[in-house]
Amino acid sequence: MEYGPVIFGMLVVTYGARLSVIALMGDRTMPPGAIRALRFVPPVVLAAIIFPELLRPAGALDISLGNARLLAGIAAAIVAWRRRNTILSIVIGMVLLWLLQGNFT
């Protein structure tokens, strides 16, 4: 299978979806309720990506202290909350995950 047509198709669908909203809205302003609701989209999408990886690392729910991903994620969340530093949060989470999984040989 060639990847070019698939990538081009994805580009057309993505661009089309964005362009349709712009074309439908025109010069109209969005209602305040819609603007408030759209502020929640990025955190919800991020949570939908992250939580399954943290809570179901092997496909089954694991909220034990043996779940290295969950512990590293909690540590990264605490660093993000206290320091407000994205890079530091990522580094702490990744280093802790590496240490907890024992991949330092």
C-alpha atoms as a PDB file:
ATOM      1  CA  MET A   1       0.000   0.000   0.000  1.00  0.00           C
ATOM      2  CA  GLU A   2       1.265   3.441  -0.828  1.00  0.00           C
ATOM      3  CA  TYR A   3       1.230   6.061   1.890  1.00  0.00           C
ATOM      4  CA  GLY A   4       0.965   9.113  -0.372  1.00  0.00           C
ATOM      5  CA  PRO A   5      -2.742   8.735  -1.225  1.00  0.00           C
ATOM      6  CA  VAL A   6      -3.591   7.914   2.395  1.00  0.00           C
ATOM      7  CA  ILE A   7      -1.754  10.993   3.703  1.00  0.00           C
ATOM      8  CA  PHE A   8      -3.339  13.150   1.005  1.00  0.00           C
ATOM      9  CA  GLY A   9      -6.785  11.797   1.912  1.00  0.00           C
ATOM     10  CA  MET A  10      -6.207  12.589   5.582  1.00  0.00           C
ATOM     11  CA  LEU A  11      -5.107  16.100   4.617  1.00  0.00           C
ATOM     12  CA  VAL A  12      -8.266  16.652   2.548  1.00  0.00           C
ATOM     13  CA  VAL A  13     -10.546  15.389   5.338  1.00  0.00           C
ATOM     14  CA  THR A  14      -8.808  17.465   8.039  1.00  0.00           C
ATOM     15  CA  TYR A  15      -8.685  20.611   5.924  1.00  0.00           C
ATOM     16  CA  GLY A  16     -12.272  20.084   4.791  1.00  0.00           C
ATOM     17  CA  ALA A  17     -13.535  19.765   8.349  1.00  0.00           C
ATOM     18  CA  ARG A  18     -11.804  22.968   9.404  1.00  0.00           C
ATOM     19  CA  LEU A  19     -12.812  24.873   6.294  1.00  0.00           C
ATOM     20  CA  SER A  20     -16.454  23.836   6.658  1.00  0.00           C
ATOM     21  CA  VAL A  21     -16.651  25.442  10.117  1.00  0.00           C
ATOM     22  CA  ILE A  22     -15.050  28.628   8.826  1.00  0.00           C
ATOM     23  CA  ALA A  23     -17.371  28.717   5.797  1.00  0.00           C
ATOM     24  CA  LEU A  24     -20.495  28.058   7.874  1.00  0.00           C
ATOM     25  CA  MET A  25     -19.629  30.660  10.491  1.00  0.00           C
ATOM     26  CA  GLY A  26     -18.763  33.397   8.006  1.00  0.00           C
ATOM     27  CA  ASP A  27     -18.741  36.767   9.729  1.00  0.00           C
ATOM     28  CA  ARG A  28     -20.972  35.626  12.593  1.00  0.00           C
ATOM     29  CA  THR A  29     -19.697  35.581  16.139  1.00  0.00           C
ATOM     30  CA  MET A  30     -19.926  32.500  18.272  1.00  0.00           C
ATOM     31  CA  PRO A  31     -22.331  32.465  21.208  1.00  0.00           C
ATOM     32  CA  PRO A  32     -20.636  32.953  24.593  1.00  0.00           C
ATOM     33  CA  GLY A  33     -21.736  29.469  25.722  1.00  0.00           C
ATOM     34  CA  ALA A  34     -19.975  27.861  22.756  1.00  0.00           C
ATOM     35  CA  ILE A  35     -16.805  29.832  23.429  1.00  0.00           C
ATOM     36  CA  ARG A  36     -16.838  28.730  27.085  1.00  0.00           C
ATOM     37  CA  ALA A  37     -17.421  25.107  26.052  1.00  0.00           C
ATOM     38  CA  LEU A  38     -14.564  25.188  23.539  1.00  0.00           C
ATOM     39  CA  ARG A  39     -12.137  26.115  26.320  1.00  0.00           C
ATOM     40  CA  PHE A  40     -12.622  22.623  27.738  1.00  0.00           C
ATOM     41  CA  VAL A  41     -11.761  20.775  24.507  1.00  0.00           C
ATOM     42  CA  PRO A  42      -7.935  20.653  24.897  1.00  0.00           C
ATOM     43  CA  PRO A  43      -7.948  19.302  28.489  1.00  0.00           C
ATOM     44  CA  VAL A  44     -10.621  16.740  27.648  1.00  0.00           C
ATOM     45  CA  VAL A  45      -8.741  15.499  24.585  1.00  0.00           C
ATOM     46  CA  LEU A  46      -5.502  15.316  26.571  1.00  0.00           C
ATOM     47  CA  ALA A  47      -7.235  13.367  29.330  1.00  0.00           C
ATOM     48  CA  ALA A  48      -8.741  10.970  26.786  1.00  0.00           C
ATOM     49  CA  ILE A  49      -5.251  10.236  25.472  1.00  0.00           C
ATOM     50  CA  ILE A  50      -3.400  10.041  28.793  1.00  0.00           C
ATOM     51  CA  PHE A  51      -5.741   8.297  31.254  1.00  0.00           C
ATOM     52  CA  PRO A  52      -6.123   5.001  29.365  1.00  0.00           C
ATOM     53  CA  GLU A  53      -2.332   4.722  29.192  1.00  0.00           C
ATOM     54  CA  LEU A  54      -1.941   5.443  32.897  1.00  0.00           C
ATOM     55  CA  LEU A  55      -4.807   3.332  34.198  1.00  0.00           C
ATOM     56  CA  ARG A  56      -4.731   0.404  31.738  1.00  0.00           C
ATOM     57  CA  PRO A  57      -1.069  -0.196  30.815  1.00  0.00           C
ATOM     58  CA  ALA A  58      -1.604  -3.885  29.979  1.00  0.00           C
ATOM     59  CA  GLY A  59      -5.195  -3.577  28.800  1.00  0.00           C
ATOM     60  CA  ALA A  60      -6.736  -4.194  32.230  1.00  0.00           C
ATOM     61  CA  LEU A  61      -7.442  -1.636  34.931  1.00  0.00           C
ATOM     62  CA  ASP A  62      -4.427  -1.325  37.255  1.00  0.00           C
ATOM     63  CA  ILE A  63      -4.552   1.284  40.021  1.00  0.00           C
ATOM     64  CA  SER A  64      -2.010  -0.445  42.254  1.00  0.00           C
ATOM     65  CA  LEU A  65       1.371   0.797  43.454  1.00  0.00           C
ATOM     66  CA  GLY A  66       2.926  -1.648  40.987  1.00  0.00           C
ATOM     67  CA  ASN A  67       1.712   0.445  38.044  1.00  0.00           C
ATOM     68  CA  ALA A  68       4.837   2.421  37.127  1.00  0.00           C
ATOM     69  CA  ARG A  69       3.020   4.517  34.539  1.00  0.00           C
ATOM     70  CA  LEU A  70       0.412   5.640  37.050  1.00  0.00           C
ATOM     71  CA  LEU A  71       3.027   6.582  39.651  1.00  0.00           C
ATOM     72  CA  ALA A  72       5.118   8.496  37.110  1.00  0.00           C
ATOM     73  CA  GLY A  73       1.980  10.223  35.813  1.00  0.00           C
ATOM     74  CA  ILE A  74       0.956  11.280  39.311  1.00  0.00           C
ATOM     75  CA  ALA A  75       4.443  12.649  39.970  1.00  0.00           C
ATOM     76  CA  ALA A  76       4.415  14.557  36.663  1.00  0.00           C
ATOM     77  CA  ALA A  77       0.965  15.976  37.462  1.00  0.00           C
ATOM     78  CA  ILE A  78       2.138  17.182  40.873  1.00  0.00           C
ATOM     79  CA  VAL A  79       5.202  18.846  39.332  1.00  0.00           C
ATOM     80  CA  ALA A  80       2.998  20.470  36.667  1.00  0.00           C
ATOM     81  CA  TRP A  81       0.578  21.721  39.291  1.00  0.00           C
ATOM     82  CA  ARG A  82       3.220  23.082  41.678  1.00  0.00           C
ATOM     83  CA  ARG A  83       5.821  24.421  39.224  1.00  0.00           C
ATOM     84  CA  ARG A  84       3.737  25.242  36.120  1.00  0.00           C
ATOM     85  CA  ASN A  85       6.648  24.033  33.988  1.00  0.00           C
ATOM     86  CA  THR A  86       5.767  21.677  31.121  1.00  0.00           C
ATOM     87  CA  ILE A  87       9.311  20.602  30.287  1.00  0.00           C
ATOM     88  CA  LEU A  88      10.154  19.869  33.918  1.00  0.00           C
ATOM     89  CA  SER A  89       6.942  17.845  34.276  1.00  0.00           C
ATOM     90  CA  ILE A  90       7.772  15.741  31.219  1.00  0.00           C
ATOM     91  CA  VAL A  91      11.357  15.168  32.341  1.00  0.00           C
ATOM     92  CA  ILE A  92      10.354  14.181  35.882  1.00  0.00           C
ATOM     93  CA  GLY A  93       7.631  11.854  34.609  1.00  0.00           C
ATOM     94  CA  MET A  94       9.874  10.161  32.040  1.00  0.00           C
ATOM     95  CA  VAL A  95      12.849   9.765  34.403  1.00  0.00           C
ATOM     96  CA  LEU A  96      10.633   8.359  37.136  1.00  0.00           C
ATOM     97  CA  LEU A  97       8.979   5.953  34.685  1.00  0.00           C
ATOM     98  CA  TRP A  98      12.407   4.836  33.478  1.00  0.00           C
ATOM     99  CA  LEU A  99      13.566   4.239  37.048  1.00  0.00           C
ATOM    100  CA  LEU A 100      10.368   2.473  38.152  1.00  0.00           C
ATOM    101  CA  GLN A 101      10.433   0.134  35.157  1.00  0.00           C
ATOM    102  CA  GLY A 102      14.059  -0.760  35.885  1.00  0.00           C
ATOM    103  CA  ASN A 103      15.321   0.065  32.387  1.00  0.00           C
ATOM    104  CA  PHE A 104      18.695   1.375  33.519  1.00  0.00           C
ATOM    105  CA  THR A 105      20.881  -1.621  32.664  1.00  0.00           C
END
